[in-house]
Amino acid sequence: MDKPLALIIEEDRKSAAEFRHVLDLAGFRTEIVVHGQAAVERLSKSQPGIVLLDLDLPGVSGNQILELIRKDERLRHGKVIAVTSHTQVAESLSVEPDLLLFKPIGIEQFSDFIERFQLKIKYQTTIPLVNEPWDRVTGLYNKSFFTNRLEDVLKQSKEIAPYLFAVLTINFDQNNSVKNQLDIRSWIAALRETAETLKTTVRPTDTVARFDQDNFYVLVENIANKDIPIMIASRIYKKLNEKLAALGNKLQFPVRVGILLCDRGYENIDEILRDAKTAQSSGKSQAGVFVYYNHVSIRG
């Protein structure tokens, strides 16, 4: 069964990432749009079950988008949750949303609203994710949550053309040579330093996960061109080398960053994860940044 779409129209990427987290766990397929005009274009080609609408958008205002939604017969079944930091904006709305929330909105508070709000969406059903989304050692997302997001992004790429995304793979001990020379506290310190470096290097809307041992994955969504993931990977490689070197041990961590650029050419996420692993291992035992393009999937 296809998951209902939740379209998050929010300029602030940190807030958008927090809203998306809650809606992902609630069982929605989520998309983020950060600009008003892009939101109008996406709404013209989709039928979201929920629209989370920032009223303080630049360009096309949240009020204009709300009016557009209410006038469009295709969108009449969807529910609109409007969010704003300003009471005067809320008071000047020409039409009413289904729910109005004022920022700042905590994750627990928003989760409670969504749980109650789902009861109003009668024509669509959601199946909440039951698996724990977090890796307990690093505090990053785990493999289960990452693959759920990857499935949503692949579906999104098939609905929006052109749509590019990338999977970055990060490893600093491919052959376990470093781990075998460290005590458990030093090893965990290296894992947590890696996690913190990744979180502070990528955008809030990029999904960072630990898969197993020292394998980390980053999902970079909606990229403008092929150079962007290379720039991000190079920045990760540089910062991670600096941070791991500062841990105080004499060992060298052979940091490896693989890059896989993806588009609608992939049939399923198993193919993506297979090629992402190939990207990471393409440099054999060397450290560095490695790019792998599957020419069957990349067009143009």
Protein backbone atom coordinates (compact mmCIF):
# COMPACT_ATOMS: atom_id res chain seq x y z
CA MET A 1 0.00 0.00 0.00
CA ASP A 2 1.30 3.43 -0.98
CA LYS A 3 1.93 5.79 1.91
CA PRO A 4 0.03 9.09 1.87
CA LEU A 5 2.15 12.10 1.04
CA ALA A 6 2.97 14.81 3.57
CA LEU A 7 4.30 17.91 1.82
CA ILE A 8 6.40 20.07 4.15
CA ILE A 9 6.59 23.65 2.90
CA GLU A 10 9.08 25.22 5.28
CA GLU A 11 11.91 27.68 4.65
CA ASP A 12 13.92 26.81 7.77
CA ARG A 13 15.71 23.51 7.09
CA LYS A 14 16.16 22.65 10.77
CA SER A 15 12.44 22.97 11.44
CA ALA A 16 11.65 21.11 8.22
CA ALA A 17 13.92 18.22 9.26
CA GLU A 18 12.22 17.99 12.67
CA PHE A 19 8.74 18.02 11.13
CA ARG A 20 9.80 15.39 8.60
CA HIS A 21 11.15 13.11 11.34
CA VAL A 22 7.77 13.05 13.09
CA LEU A 23 5.81 12.53 9.87
CA ASP A 24 8.18 9.78 8.71
CA LEU A 25 7.63 7.89 11.96
CA ALA A 26 3.87 8.43 11.62
CA GLY A 27 3.93 6.52 8.32
CA PHE A 28 3.78 9.31 5.77
CA ARG A 29 5.89 9.68 2.64
CA THR A 30 7.47 13.06 3.15
CA GLU A 31 8.83 15.75 0.85
CA ILE A 32 10.36 19.09 1.78
CA VAL A 33 9.97 22.26 -0.28
CA VAL A 34 11.73 25.41 0.94
CA HIS A 35 10.47 28.03 -1.51
CA GLY A 36 6.93 29.30 -2.15
CA GLN A 37 7.03 29.08 -5.95
CA ALA A 38 8.45 25.53 -5.82
CA ALA A 39 5.60 24.61 -3.47
CA VAL A 40 3.01 25.90 -5.95
CA GLU A 41 4.59 23.83 -8.72
CA ARG A 42 4.70 20.68 -6.57
CA LEU A 43 1.09 21.08 -5.45
CA SER A 44 0.01 21.31 -9.10
CA LYS A 45 1.33 17.77 -9.65
CA SER A 46 0.55 16.02 -6.35
CA GLN A 47 -2.29 15.33 -3.90
CA PRO A 48 -0.85 15.41 -0.38
CA GLY A 49 -2.76 13.96 2.54
CA ILE A 50 -1.18 16.62 4.72
CA VAL A 51 0.37 19.95 3.81
CA LEU A 52 2.49 21.45 6.56
CA LEU A 53 2.62 25.09 5.52
CA ASP A 54 4.97 27.76 6.83
CA LEU A 55 3.02 31.03 6.58
CA ASP A 56 6.20 33.13 6.59
CA LEU A 57 7.51 32.08 3.17
CA PRO A 58 9.35 34.42 0.81
CA GLY A 59 8.02 34.97 -2.71
CA VAL A 60 4.64 33.25 -2.80
CA SER A 61 3.24 33.73 0.70
CA GLY A 62 1.76 31.02 2.88
CA ASN A 63 -1.61 32.77 2.71
CA GLN A 64 -1.54 32.66 -1.11
CA ILE A 65 -0.67 28.96 -1.06
CA LEU A 66 -3.47 28.27 1.41
CA GLU A 67 -5.94 30.06 -0.88
CA LEU A 68 -4.67 28.02 -3.83
CA ILE A 69 -5.18 24.77 -1.93
CA ARG A 70 -8.74 25.66 -0.89
CA LYS A 71 -9.69 26.56 -4.49
CA ASP A 72 -8.23 23.41 -6.07
CA GLU A 73 -10.77 20.58 -6.25
CA ARG A 74 -7.96 17.99 -6.45
CA LEU A 75 -6.62 19.07 -3.06
CA ARG A 76 -9.90 19.32 -1.15
CA HIS A 77 -9.39 16.02 0.73
CA GLY A 78 -6.01 17.06 2.11
CA LYS A 79 -5.52 18.68 5.50
CA VAL A 80 -3.45 21.83 6.02
CA ILE A 81 -1.40 22.44 9.15
CA ALA A 82 -0.20 26.04 9.12
CA VAL A 83 2.77 27.16 11.24
CA THR A 84 4.00 30.66 11.97
CA SER A 85 6.00 32.70 14.47
CA HIS A 86 3.78 35.77 14.14
CA THR A 87 0.25 36.21 15.50
CA GLN A 88 -0.43 39.09 13.08
CA VAL A 89 0.21 36.74 10.13
CA ALA A 90 -2.25 34.20 11.53
CA GLU A 91 -4.88 36.89 12.17
CA SER A 92 -4.65 38.19 8.59
CA LEU A 93 -5.36 34.88 6.85
CA SER A 94 -8.10 35.07 4.21
CA VAL A 95 -9.03 31.39 4.64
CA GLU A 96 -8.58 29.04 7.58
CA PRO A 97 -6.22 26.05 7.78
CA ASP A 98 -7.34 22.83 9.46
CA LEU A 99 -4.87 23.44 12.27
CA LEU A 100 -2.74 26.44 13.24
CA LEU A 101 0.46 26.05 15.29
CA PHE A 102 2.78 28.72 16.60
CA LYS A 103 6.56 28.33 16.60
CA PRO A 104 8.65 27.20 18.35
CA ILE A 105 7.13 23.72 18.20
CA GLY A 106 8.85 20.90 20.09
CA ILE A 107 9.12 17.43 18.53
CA GLU A 108 7.08 15.82 21.31
CA GLN A 109 4.39 18.48 20.99
CA PHE A 110 4.26 18.10 17.22
CA SER A 111 4.15 14.29 17.52
CA ASP A 112 1.10 14.60 19.77
CA PHE A 113 -0.64 16.92 17.29
CA ILE A 114 0.05 14.55 14.38
CA GLU A 115 -1.18 11.51 16.31
CA ARG A 116 -4.50 13.24 16.98
CA PHE A 117 -4.66 14.84 13.55
CA GLN A 118 -4.33 11.51 11.74
CA LEU A 119 -7.80 10.56 12.94
CA LYS A 120 -9.19 13.31 10.70
CA ILE A 121 -7.60 11.87 7.54
CA LYS A 122 -10.31 9.31 6.84
CA TYR A 123 -9.68 8.58 3.18
CA GLN A 124 -6.07 7.55 3.70
CA THR A 125 -4.42 5.32 6.28
CA THR A 126 -0.91 5.41 7.62
CA ILE A 127 1.16 2.64 9.17
CA PRO A 128 3.54 4.13 11.75
CA LEU A 129 7.12 2.89 11.80
CA VAL A 130 7.49 0.53 14.74
CA ASN A 131 11.26 0.04 14.66
CA GLU A 132 13.50 2.20 16.80
CA PRO A 133 14.95 4.88 14.44
CA TRP A 134 18.14 5.62 16.39
CA ASP A 135 21.57 4.06 16.62
CA ARG A 136 22.20 3.77 20.35
CA VAL A 137 25.96 4.34 20.23
CA THR A 138 26.12 7.47 18.08
CA GLY A 139 22.62 8.97 18.31
CA LEU A 140 22.38 8.98 14.51
CA TYR A 141 19.60 7.33 12.56
CA ASN A 142 19.96 3.58 12.03
CA LYS A 143 19.82 1.51 8.85
CA SER A 144 16.08 0.82 9.16
CA PHE A 145 15.16 4.50 9.22
CA PHE A 146 17.65 5.35 6.46
CA THR A 147 16.24 2.75 4.07
CA ASN A 148 12.72 4.05 4.75
CA ARG A 149 13.82 7.56 3.73
CA LEU A 150 15.66 6.17 0.71
CA GLU A 151 12.50 4.45 -0.50
CA ASP A 152 10.58 7.72 -0.24
CA VAL A 153 13.26 9.65 -2.11
CA LEU A 154 13.42 7.09 -4.92
CA LYS A 155 9.62 7.34 -5.34
CA GLN A 156 9.92 11.12 -5.35
CA SER A 157 12.55 10.96 -8.10
CA LYS A 158 10.13 9.01 -10.29
CA GLU A 159 7.44 11.67 -9.85
CA ILE A 160 9.65 14.73 -10.36
CA ALA A 161 11.91 15.08 -13.39
CA PRO A 162 14.71 15.83 -13.27
CA TYR A 163 15.42 14.88 -9.65
CA LEU A 164 18.90 13.94 -8.45
CA PHE A 165 19.95 12.64 -5.06
CA ALA A 166 23.12 11.09 -3.72
CA VAL A 167 24.21 8.47 -1.21
CA LEU A 168 27.54 9.06 0.51
CA THR A 169 29.27 6.22 2.33
CA ILE A 170 31.87 6.90 5.02
CA ASN A 171 34.26 4.35 6.49
CA PHE A 172 37.47 4.79 8.49
CA ASP A 173 38.48 1.20 9.19
CA GLN A 174 37.52 -1.07 6.31
CA ASN A 175 39.70 -3.98 7.41
CA ASN A 176 39.22 -3.58 11.20
CA SER A 177 42.93 -2.88 11.60
CA VAL A 178 42.30 0.22 13.73
CA LYS A 179 39.55 -1.27 15.89
CA ASN A 180 41.73 -4.22 16.83
CA GLN A 181 44.34 -1.84 18.25
CA LEU A 182 41.96 0.30 20.32
CA ASP A 183 40.20 -0.30 23.61
CA ILE A 184 36.42 -0.07 23.58
CA ARG A 185 36.30 3.46 25.00
CA SER A 186 38.63 4.80 22.32
CA TRP A 187 36.67 3.02 19.60
CA ILE A 188 33.36 4.45 20.79
CA ALA A 189 34.99 7.89 20.99
CA ALA A 190 36.00 7.56 17.32
CA LEU A 191 32.45 6.54 16.34
CA ARG A 192 30.88 9.44 18.21
CA GLU A 193 33.39 11.94 16.84
CA THR A 194 32.55 10.74 13.35
CA ALA A 195 28.82 11.07 14.04
CA GLU A 196 29.17 14.62 15.38
CA THR A 197 31.38 15.66 12.45
CA LEU A 198 28.86 14.34 9.92
CA LYS A 199 25.90 16.04 11.61
CA THR A 200 27.64 19.42 11.65
CA THR A 201 28.93 19.15 8.07
CA VAL A 202 25.77 18.30 6.12
CA ARG A 203 22.43 20.13 5.91
CA PRO A 204 19.79 19.44 8.61
CA THR A 205 17.57 17.91 5.91
CA ASP A 206 20.23 15.36 4.89
CA THR A 207 19.79 11.98 6.59
CA VAL A 208 22.86 10.66 8.44
CA ALA A 209 22.88 7.04 9.64
CA ARG A 210 25.21 4.44 11.08
CA PHE A 211 24.70 1.08 9.43
CA ASP A 212 27.13 -1.18 11.28
CA GLN A 213 30.59 -1.04 12.85
CA ASP A 214 32.23 2.00 11.25
CA ASN A 215 30.00 2.34 8.17
CA PHE A 216 28.10 5.61 7.96
CA TYR A 217 25.69 6.69 5.22
CA VAL A 218 24.43 10.13 4.23
CA LEU A 219 21.39 10.68 2.00
CA VAL A 220 21.60 14.02 0.20
CA GLU A 221 18.22 14.88 -1.31
CA ASN A 222 17.20 17.12 -4.20
CA ILE A 223 20.62 18.23 -5.45
CA ALA A 224 21.00 20.78 -8.22
CA ASN A 225 23.97 19.19 -10.03
CA LYS A 226 26.57 16.44 -9.87
CA ASP A 227 29.24 18.65 -8.29
CA ILE A 228 27.39 19.23 -5.02
CA PRO A 229 27.83 15.73 -3.49
CA ILE A 230 31.52 15.83 -4.45
CA MET A 231 31.90 19.13 -2.58
CA ILE A 232 30.09 17.70 0.46
CA ALA A 233 32.16 14.51 0.42
CA SER A 234 35.41 16.45 0.17
CA ARG A 235 34.37 18.62 3.12
CA ILE A 236 33.49 15.51 5.16
CA TYR A 237 36.81 13.88 4.29
CA LYS A 238 38.82 16.92 5.38
CA LYS A 239 36.95 17.55 8.63
CA LEU A 240 36.80 13.90 9.61
CA ASN A 241 40.55 13.48 9.17
CA GLU A 242 41.12 16.53 11.37
CA LYS A 243 38.74 15.37 14.09
CA LEU A 244 39.97 11.77 14.24
CA ALA A 245 43.59 12.93 14.32
CA ALA A 246 42.76 15.10 17.34
CA LEU A 247 41.52 12.16 19.45
CA GLY A 248 44.99 11.74 20.90
CA ASN A 249 46.04 8.27 19.74
CA LYS A 250 48.89 7.51 17.40
CA LEU A 251 46.87 5.48 14.92
CA GLN A 252 45.93 6.73 11.49
CA PHE A 253 42.31 6.33 10.43
CA PRO A 254 42.11 5.54 6.69
CA VAL A 255 39.02 7.64 5.98
CA ARG A 256 37.16 6.65 2.82
CA VAL A 257 34.17 8.51 1.37
CA GLY A 258 32.21 7.00 -1.51
CA ILE A 259 29.77 8.97 -3.65
CA LEU A 260 26.86 7.53 -5.60
CA LEU A 261 24.76 9.91 -7.67
CA CYS A 262 21.22 8.62 -8.24
CA ASP A 263 18.12 9.41 -10.27
CA ARG A 264 14.90 7.74 -11.37
CA GLY A 265 16.83 5.08 -13.32
CA TYR A 266 17.04 2.86 -10.24
CA GLU A 267 14.29 0.27 -9.83
CA ASN A 268 14.64 -0.26 -6.08
CA ILE A 269 16.76 0.68 -3.08
CA ASP A 270 18.63 -2.65 -3.10
CA GLU A 271 20.28 -1.57 -6.35
CA ILE A 272 21.19 1.79 -4.80
CA LEU A 273 22.72 0.24 -1.67
CA ARG A 274 24.66 -2.22 -3.84
CA ASP A 275 26.16 0.58 -5.92
CA ALA A 276 26.81 2.71 -2.84
CA LYS A 277 28.88 -0.13 -1.42
CA THR A 278 30.74 -0.35 -4.72
CA ALA A 279 31.48 3.37 -4.51
CA GLN A 280 33.03 2.91 -1.09
CA SER A 281 35.18 -0.06 -2.09
CA SER A 282 36.25 1.24 -5.52
CA GLY A 283 39.52 2.60 -4.16
CA LYS A 284 40.53 -0.78 -2.73
CA SER A 285 42.50 -0.19 0.48
CA GLN A 286 43.31 3.46 -0.11
CA ALA A 287 41.92 6.40 1.81
CA GLY A 288 40.25 9.24 -0.05
CA VAL A 289 37.08 10.30 -1.85
CA PHE A 290 35.76 7.96 -4.55
CA VAL A 291 33.00 8.65 -7.07
CA TYR A 292 31.02 5.83 -8.65
CA TYR A 293 28.52 6.53 -11.43
CA ASN A 294 26.18 3.81 -12.59
CA HIS A 295 25.77 4.92 -16.20
CA VAL A 296 22.56 2.93 -16.55
CA SER A 297 20.88 5.19 -13.98
CA ILE A 298 22.54 8.55 -14.62
CA ARG A 299 21.20 10.39 -17.63
CA GLY A 300 22.56 13.74 -18.74
